[in-house]
Amino acid sequence: NLTAVNGLVFFSAAVEDEPPARLWVSDSSAVGTRVVETDPAIENPRDLTAWEGGPGVQSMLVFNAAGGLYLSDGTSAGTYRFVSDDLSPRSPTPVGERVFFAGGSPNRELWVSQGAAGDAERVLDIAPGEIGSHPQRLTALGDRIVFSADDGISGREMWVSDGTAAGTYRLRDIRPGTESSVRDDSFGAFVAATSDHVYFPADDGVSGEELWRTDGTPEG
């Protein structure tokens, strides 16, 4: 995917059609379009996302690749890993000066980082045990993040977090009981956001799957 950051466009592509894919950057000119060279080479970058509040409050690219989560300003020196693949990080989602992601193996939960190597912390163990809550559809809403998770008791429902354990909670048990109201990613669930609401499909067990929205509070 093409991702614009600070006047540059980042994308993933193979070099001369030879895999694996590499990270490219362009200033919209032929001479300014190049591979971001790193040692070792970063392979198969994906989930390319602009982070306006990166380290030092500068605009940077955050992305997933073989080896973990990376940041890049488009230069070799400014491209580095900040979360190792030991956490199997997925779905990096910037919120202000932090990046949330789903991580942990096998216990997948919500994690947060400020972009420094080794500073990642698990926000909350939503579903204690080996499986974890498997956060999905991470979506920024103001200074918080909305996501779906399965706590092992109420099924997969929508949650919200401000990056602290105390500020991480289920928004509502839309489908009371152990069944999920929100589908797993593998079944085509989607989430869309405006400046003040997140929209998502959910099934309350009575009306079938309908479009719901939340402002990030249990009441809203």
C-alpha atoms as a PDB file:
ATOM      1  CA  ASN A   1       0.000   0.000   0.000  1.00  0.00           C
ATOM      2  CA  LEU A   2       1.134   3.552  -0.739  1.00  0.00           C
ATOM      3  CA  THR A   3       1.581   5.544   2.463  1.00  0.00           C
ATOM      4  CA  ALA A   4       2.396   9.266   2.555  1.00  0.00           C
ATOM      5  CA  VAL A   5       4.613  10.523   5.382  1.00  0.00           C
ATOM      6  CA  ASN A   6       6.112  14.007   5.597  1.00  0.00           C
ATOM      7  CA  GLY A   7       6.125  14.620   1.838  1.00  0.00           C
ATOM      8  CA  LEU A   8       7.410  11.148   0.972  1.00  0.00           C
ATOM      9  CA  VAL A   9       5.569   8.070  -0.269  1.00  0.00           C
ATOM     10  CA  PHE A  10       6.493   4.655   1.110  1.00  0.00           C
ATOM     11  CA  PHE A  11       5.565   1.339  -0.454  1.00  0.00           C
ATOM     12  CA  SER A  12       6.527  -2.319  -0.524  1.00  0.00           C
ATOM     13  CA  ALA A  13       7.796  -3.955  -3.706  1.00  0.00           C
ATOM     14  CA  ALA A  14      10.230  -6.591  -4.885  1.00  0.00           C
ATOM     15  CA  VAL A  15      13.499  -5.451  -6.450  1.00  0.00           C
ATOM     16  CA  GLU A  16      13.471  -6.330 -10.165  1.00  0.00           C
ATOM     17  CA  ASP A  17      10.535  -8.668  -9.460  1.00  0.00           C
ATOM     18  CA  GLU A  18      12.742 -10.871  -7.274  1.00  0.00           C
ATOM     19  CA  PRO A  19      11.244 -11.695  -3.848  1.00  0.00           C
ATOM     20  CA  PRO A  20      11.301 -10.885  -1.013  1.00  0.00           C
ATOM     21  CA  ALA A  21       9.676  -7.464  -1.092  1.00  0.00           C
ATOM     22  CA  ARG A  22      11.637  -4.498   0.264  1.00  0.00           C
ATOM     23  CA  LEU A  23      10.745  -1.065   1.624  1.00  0.00           C
ATOM     24  CA  TRP A  24      10.821   1.725  -0.972  1.00  0.00           C
ATOM     25  CA  VAL A  25      10.514   5.490  -0.613  1.00  0.00           C
ATOM     26  CA  SER A  26       9.796   8.161  -3.230  1.00  0.00           C
ATOM     27  CA  ASP A  27       9.687  11.944  -3.420  1.00  0.00           C
ATOM     28  CA  SER A  28       7.657  11.582  -6.657  1.00  0.00           C
ATOM     29  CA  SER A  29      10.701  11.810  -8.907  1.00  0.00           C
ATOM     30  CA  ALA A  30      12.539   9.026 -10.724  1.00  0.00           C
ATOM     31  CA  VAL A  31      15.873   9.841  -9.108  1.00  0.00           C
ATOM     32  CA  GLY A  32      14.225  10.119  -5.706  1.00  0.00           C
ATOM     33  CA  THR A  33      12.618   6.688  -5.811  1.00  0.00           C
ATOM     34  CA  ARG A  34      14.791   4.071  -4.128  1.00  0.00           C
ATOM     35  CA  VAL A  35      14.989   1.119  -1.780  1.00  0.00           C
ATOM     36  CA  VAL A  36      15.544   2.036   1.857  1.00  0.00           C
ATOM     37  CA  GLU A  37      18.802   0.174   2.373  1.00  0.00           C
ATOM     38  CA  THR A  38      19.343  -1.423   5.791  1.00  0.00           C
ATOM     39  CA  ASP A  39      21.732  -4.015   7.187  1.00  0.00           C
ATOM     40  CA  PRO A  40      20.376  -6.593   7.552  1.00  0.00           C
ATOM     41  CA  ALA A  41      17.818  -6.007   4.831  1.00  0.00           C
ATOM     42  CA  ILE A  42      14.215  -5.574   5.946  1.00  0.00           C
ATOM     43  CA  GLU A  43      12.058  -8.118   4.148  1.00  0.00           C
ATOM     44  CA  ASN A  44       8.361  -8.169   3.264  1.00  0.00           C
ATOM     45  CA  PRO A  45       7.205  -4.911   4.885  1.00  0.00           C
ATOM     46  CA  ARG A  46       3.446  -4.658   5.427  1.00  0.00           C
ATOM     47  CA  ASP A  47       0.878  -2.696   7.460  1.00  0.00           C
ATOM     48  CA  LEU A  48       2.554   0.558   6.370  1.00  0.00           C
ATOM     49  CA  THR A  49       1.073   3.333   8.533  1.00  0.00           C
ATOM     50  CA  ALA A  50       1.848   7.030   9.010  1.00  0.00           C
ATOM     51  CA  TRP A  51       2.663   8.011  12.599  1.00  0.00           C
ATOM     52  CA  GLU A  52       2.387  11.764  13.073  1.00  0.00           C
ATOM     53  CA  GLY A  53       3.471  11.638  16.737  1.00  0.00           C
ATOM     54  CA  GLY A  54       6.554   9.455  16.389  1.00  0.00           C
ATOM     55  CA  PRO A  55       9.655   9.671  18.597  1.00  0.00           C
ATOM     56  CA  GLY A  56      10.559  13.313  19.084  1.00  0.00           C
ATOM     57  CA  VAL A  57       7.057  14.111  17.808  1.00  0.00           C
ATOM     58  CA  GLN A  58       8.178  13.722  14.211  1.00  0.00           C
ATOM     59  CA  SER A  59       6.295  12.117  11.361  1.00  0.00           C
ATOM     60  CA  MET A  60       7.543   8.605  10.642  1.00  0.00           C
ATOM     61  CA  LEU A  61       6.444   5.395   9.005  1.00  0.00           C
ATOM     62  CA  VAL A  62       5.606   2.471  11.279  1.00  0.00           C
ATOM     63  CA  PHE A  63       5.342  -0.945   9.700  1.00  0.00           C
ATOM     64  CA  ASN A  64       5.497  -4.679  10.227  1.00  0.00           C
ATOM     65  CA  ALA A  65       8.115  -6.859   8.572  1.00  0.00           C
ATOM     66  CA  ALA A  66      10.064 -10.049   9.051  1.00  0.00           C
ATOM     67  CA  GLY A  67      11.739  -9.422  12.386  1.00  0.00           C
ATOM     68  CA  GLY A  68       9.121  -7.271  14.128  1.00  0.00           C
ATOM     69  CA  LEU A  69       7.872  -3.664  14.079  1.00  0.00           C
ATOM     70  CA  TYR A  70       9.976  -0.930  12.469  1.00  0.00           C
ATOM     71  CA  LEU A  71      10.115   2.844  12.133  1.00  0.00           C
ATOM     72  CA  SER A  72      11.480   4.777   9.179  1.00  0.00           C
ATOM     73  CA  ASP A  73      11.986   8.400   8.168  1.00  0.00           C
ATOM     74  CA  GLY A  74      13.052   7.298   4.680  1.00  0.00           C
ATOM     75  CA  THR A  75      16.788   7.108   5.410  1.00  0.00           C
ATOM     76  CA  SER A  76      18.946   4.104   6.243  1.00  0.00           C
ATOM     77  CA  ALA A  77      20.068   5.626   9.546  1.00  0.00           C
ATOM     78  CA  GLY A  78      16.494   6.516  10.464  1.00  0.00           C
ATOM     79  CA  THR A  79      15.067   3.042   9.852  1.00  0.00           C
ATOM     80  CA  TYR A  80      15.171   0.655  12.782  1.00  0.00           C
ATOM     81  CA  ARG A  81      13.321  -2.056  14.653  1.00  0.00           C
ATOM     82  CA  PHE A  82      11.673  -1.139  17.961  1.00  0.00           C
ATOM     83  CA  VAL A  83       9.642  -4.300  18.707  1.00  0.00           C
ATOM     84  CA  SER A  84      11.201  -7.709  18.061  1.00  0.00           C
ATOM     85  CA  ASP A  85       9.440 -10.606  16.425  1.00  0.00           C
ATOM     86  CA  ASP A  86       9.550 -12.454  19.749  1.00  0.00           C
ATOM     87  CA  LEU A  87       6.198 -10.771  20.438  1.00  0.00           C
ATOM     88  CA  SER A  88       4.822 -11.600  16.964  1.00  0.00           C
ATOM     89  CA  PRO A  89       3.497  -8.022  16.708  1.00  0.00           C
ATOM     90  CA  ARG A  90       0.588  -7.314  14.369  1.00  0.00           C
ATOM     91  CA  SER A  91      -1.683  -4.403  13.452  1.00  0.00           C
ATOM     92  CA  PRO A  92       0.456  -1.411  14.558  1.00  0.00           C
ATOM     93  CA  THR A  93      -1.918   1.502  15.181  1.00  0.00           C
ATOM     94  CA  PRO A  94      -0.604   4.966  16.147  1.00  0.00           C
ATOM     95  CA  VAL A  95      -2.526   6.987  18.734  1.00  0.00           C
ATOM     96  CA  GLY A  96      -0.846  10.284  19.555  1.00  0.00           C
ATOM     97  CA  GLU A  97       2.698   9.603  20.746  1.00  0.00           C
ATOM     98  CA  ARG A  98       2.127   5.855  21.179  1.00  0.00           C
ATOM     99  CA  VAL A  99       1.691   2.830  18.958  1.00  0.00           C
ATOM    100  CA  PHE A 100      -0.694   0.064  19.989  1.00  0.00           C
ATOM    101  CA  PHE A 101      -0.388  -3.429  18.576  1.00  0.00           C
ATOM    102  CA  ALA A 102      -1.532  -6.990  19.143  1.00  0.00           C
ATOM    103  CA  GLY A 103       1.333  -9.082  20.429  1.00  0.00           C
ATOM    104  CA  GLY A 104       2.435 -12.080  22.420  1.00  0.00           C
ATOM    105  CA  SER A 105       2.977 -15.712  21.519  1.00  0.00           C
ATOM    106  CA  PRO A 106       0.911 -17.673  22.197  1.00  0.00           C
ATOM    107  CA  ASN A 107      -0.939 -15.380  24.641  1.00  0.00           C
ATOM    108  CA  ARG A 108      -1.917 -12.527  22.302  1.00  0.00           C
ATOM    109  CA  GLU A 109      -2.992  -9.319  24.030  1.00  0.00           C
ATOM    110  CA  LEU A 110      -2.926  -5.536  23.557  1.00  0.00           C
ATOM    111  CA  TRP A 111       0.520  -3.918  23.801  1.00  0.00           C
ATOM    112  CA  VAL A 112       1.730  -0.309  23.587  1.00  0.00           C
ATOM    113  CA  SER A 113       5.045   1.379  22.739  1.00  0.00           C
ATOM    114  CA  GLN A 114       6.401   4.891  22.392  1.00  0.00           C
ATOM    115  CA  GLY A 115       8.736   3.829  19.608  1.00  0.00           C
ATOM    116  CA  ALA A 116      11.896   3.112  21.611  1.00  0.00           C
ATOM    117  CA  ALA A 117      13.562  -0.273  21.374  1.00  0.00           C
ATOM    118  CA  GLY A 118      12.521  -2.498  24.251  1.00  0.00           C
ATOM    119  CA  ASP A 119       9.903  -0.145  25.729  1.00  0.00           C
ATOM    120  CA  ALA A 120       6.824  -2.177  24.700  1.00  0.00           C
ATOM    121  CA  GLU A 121       4.466  -3.085  27.545  1.00  0.00           C
ATOM    122  CA  ARG A 122       1.409  -5.274  27.700  1.00  0.00           C
ATOM    123  CA  VAL A 123      -1.572  -3.099  28.524  1.00  0.00           C
ATOM    124  CA  LEU A 124      -3.795  -5.740  30.135  1.00  0.00           C
ATOM    125  CA  ASP A 125      -4.079  -9.514  30.253  1.00  0.00           C
ATOM    126  CA  ILE A 126      -7.695  -9.539  29.083  1.00  0.00           C
ATOM    127  CA  ALA A 127      -7.921 -13.323  28.783  1.00  0.00           C
ATOM    128  CA  PRO A 128      -5.382 -14.900  31.158  1.00  0.00           C
ATOM    129  CA  GLY A 129      -3.950 -18.169  29.944  1.00  0.00           C
ATOM    130  CA  GLU A 130      -2.170 -19.489  26.883  1.00  0.00           C
ATOM    131  CA  ILE A 131      -4.642 -18.356  24.228  1.00  0.00           C
ATOM    132  CA  GLY A 132      -5.147 -14.668  25.055  1.00  0.00           C
ATOM    133  CA  SER A 133      -7.878 -12.314  23.872  1.00  0.00           C
ATOM    134  CA  HIS A 134      -6.450 -11.830  20.339  1.00  0.00           C
ATOM    135  CA  PRO A 135      -7.173  -8.100  19.857  1.00  0.00           C
ATOM    136  CA  GLN A 136      -8.338  -7.289  16.329  1.00  0.00           C
ATOM    137  CA  ARG A 137      -9.458  -4.299  14.274  1.00  0.00           C
ATOM    138  CA  LEU A 138      -7.416  -1.796  16.277  1.00  0.00           C
ATOM    139  CA  THR A 139      -8.849   1.649  15.496  1.00  0.00           C
ATOM    140  CA  ALA A 140      -7.747   5.049  16.827  1.00  0.00           C
ATOM    141  CA  LEU A 141     -10.464   7.194  18.393  1.00  0.00           C
ATOM    142  CA  GLY A 142      -9.092  10.454  19.750  1.00  0.00           C
ATOM    143  CA  ASP A 143      -6.429   9.615  22.337  1.00  0.00           C
ATOM    144  CA  ARG A 144      -7.695   6.060  22.827  1.00  0.00           C
ATOM    145  CA  ILE A 145      -7.964   2.877  20.820  1.00  0.00           C
ATOM    146  CA  VAL A 146     -11.060   0.798  20.115  1.00  0.00           C
ATOM    147  CA  PHE A 147     -10.659  -2.885  19.286  1.00  0.00           C
ATOM    148  CA  SER A 148     -12.406  -6.239  19.460  1.00  0.00           C
ATOM    149  CA  ALA A 149     -11.269  -8.900  21.925  1.00  0.00           C
ATOM    150  CA  ASP A 150     -12.454 -12.165  23.402  1.00  0.00           C
ATOM    151  CA  ASP A 151     -12.044 -12.347  27.181  1.00  0.00           C
ATOM    152  CA  GLY A 152     -12.970 -16.027  27.239  1.00  0.00           C
ATOM    153  CA  ILE A 153     -16.193 -15.267  29.118  1.00  0.00           C
ATOM    154  CA  SER A 154     -18.348 -12.950  27.009  1.00  0.00           C
ATOM    155  CA  GLY A 155     -17.162 -13.871  23.525  1.00  0.00           C
ATOM    156  CA  ARG A 156     -15.673 -11.341  21.097  1.00  0.00           C
ATOM    157  CA  GLU A 157     -16.922  -7.836  21.917  1.00  0.00           C
ATOM    158  CA  MET A 158     -15.707  -4.264  21.432  1.00  0.00           C
ATOM    159  CA  TRP A 159     -13.201  -2.854  23.927  1.00  0.00           C
ATOM    160  CA  VAL A 160     -11.489   0.506  24.479  1.00  0.00           C
ATOM    161  CA  SER A 161      -8.118   1.454  25.987  1.00  0.00           C
ATOM    162  CA  ASP A 162      -6.221   4.597  26.932  1.00  0.00           C
ATOM    163  CA  GLY A 163      -3.003   2.599  27.253  1.00  0.00           C
ATOM    164  CA  THR A 164      -3.385   1.775  30.951  1.00  0.00           C
ATOM    165  CA  ALA A 165      -4.772  -1.338  32.614  1.00  0.00           C
ATOM    166  CA  ALA A 166      -7.357   0.715  34.515  1.00  0.00           C
ATOM    167  CA  GLY A 167      -8.447   2.469  31.344  1.00  0.00           C
ATOM    168  CA  THR A 168      -8.943  -0.735  29.338  1.00  0.00           C
ATOM    169  CA  TYR A 169     -12.415  -2.238  29.465  1.00  0.00           C
ATOM    170  CA  ARG A 170     -15.214  -3.822  27.457  1.00  0.00           C
ATOM    171  CA  LEU A 171     -17.562  -1.207  26.065  1.00  0.00           C
ATOM    172  CA  ARG A 172     -20.674  -3.364  26.176  1.00  0.00           C
ATOM    173  CA  ASP A 173     -21.749  -7.001  26.125  1.00  0.00           C
ATOM    174  CA  ILE A 174     -23.844  -6.558  22.990  1.00  0.00           C
ATOM    175  CA  ARG A 175     -24.731 -10.245  22.861  1.00  0.00           C
ATOM    176  CA  PRO A 176     -25.103 -11.328  26.513  1.00  0.00           C
ATOM    177  CA  GLY A 177     -23.616 -14.682  27.353  1.00  0.00           C
ATOM    178  CA  THR A 178     -20.653 -16.530  25.937  1.00  0.00           C
ATOM    179  CA  GLU A 179     -21.430 -15.986  22.240  1.00  0.00           C
ATOM    180  CA  SER A 180     -19.668 -13.237  20.304  1.00  0.00           C
ATOM    181  CA  SER A 181     -21.440 -10.208  18.863  1.00  0.00           C
ATOM    182  CA  VAL A 182     -18.472  -9.253  16.670  1.00  0.00           C
ATOM    183  CA  ARG A 183     -17.091 -11.600  14.063  1.00  0.00           C
ATOM    184  CA  ASP A 184     -13.502 -12.756  13.945  1.00  0.00           C
ATOM    185  CA  ASP A 185     -11.247 -11.048  11.362  1.00  0.00           C
ATOM    186  CA  SER A 186     -11.118 -14.227   9.325  1.00  0.00           C
ATOM    187  CA  PHE A 187     -14.838 -13.905   8.649  1.00  0.00           C
ATOM    188  CA  GLY A 188     -14.653 -10.470   7.094  1.00  0.00           C
ATOM    189  CA  ALA A 189     -15.435  -8.178  10.018  1.00  0.00           C
ATOM    190  CA  PHE A 190     -14.749  -4.493   9.407  1.00  0.00           C
ATOM    191  CA  VAL A 191     -14.417  -1.274  11.371  1.00  0.00           C
ATOM    192  CA  ALA A 192     -14.587   2.333  10.141  1.00  0.00           C
ATOM    193  CA  ALA A 193     -13.917   5.516  12.104  1.00  0.00           C
ATOM    194  CA  THR A 194     -14.824   9.203  11.994  1.00  0.00           C
ATOM    195  CA  SER A 195     -13.404  11.879  14.295  1.00  0.00           C
ATOM    196  CA  ASP A 196     -15.765  10.958  17.132  1.00  0.00           C
ATOM    197  CA  HIS A 197     -17.217   7.497  16.438  1.00  0.00           C
ATOM    198  CA  VAL A 198     -16.192   3.983  15.424  1.00  0.00           C
ATOM    199  CA  TYR A 199     -18.639   1.999  13.283  1.00  0.00           C
ATOM    200  CA  PHE A 200     -18.743  -1.795  13.240  1.00  0.00           C
ATOM    201  CA  PRO A 201     -21.101  -4.703  12.453  1.00  0.00           C
ATOM    202  CA  ALA A 202     -22.453  -6.642  15.429  1.00  0.00           C
ATOM    203  CA  ASP A 203     -25.125  -9.224  16.142  1.00  0.00           C
ATOM    204  CA  ASP A 204     -27.045  -8.863  19.415  1.00  0.00           C
ATOM    205  CA  GLY A 205     -28.611 -12.301  18.980  1.00  0.00           C
ATOM    206  CA  VAL A 206     -32.042 -10.796  18.342  1.00  0.00           C
ATOM    207  CA  SER A 207     -31.933  -8.510  15.298  1.00  0.00           C
ATOM    208  CA  GLY A 208     -29.158 -10.207  13.364  1.00  0.00           C
ATOM    209  CA  GLU A 209     -26.027  -8.428  12.229  1.00  0.00           C
ATOM    210  CA  GLU A 210     -26.541  -4.670  12.020  1.00  0.00           C
ATOM    211  CA  LEU A 211     -24.366  -1.560  11.912  1.00  0.00           C
ATOM    212  CA  TRP A 212     -23.430  -0.241  15.343  1.00  0.00           C
ATOM    213  CA  ARG A 213     -21.366   2.721  16.475  1.00  0.00           C
ATOM    214  CA  THR A 214     -19.563   3.812  19.634  1.00  0.00           C
ATOM    215  CA  ASP A 215     -18.036   7.051  20.884  1.00  0.00           C
ATOM    216  CA  GLY A 216     -15.696   5.047  23.100  1.00  0.00           C
ATOM    217  CA  THR A 217     -17.871   5.051  26.209  1.00  0.00           C
ATOM    218  CA  PRO A 218     -20.186   2.324  27.542  1.00  0.00           C
ATOM    219  CA  GLU A 219     -23.102   4.756  27.309  1.00  0.00           C
ATOM    220  CA  GLY A 220     -22.279   5.820  23.757  1.00  0.00           C
END
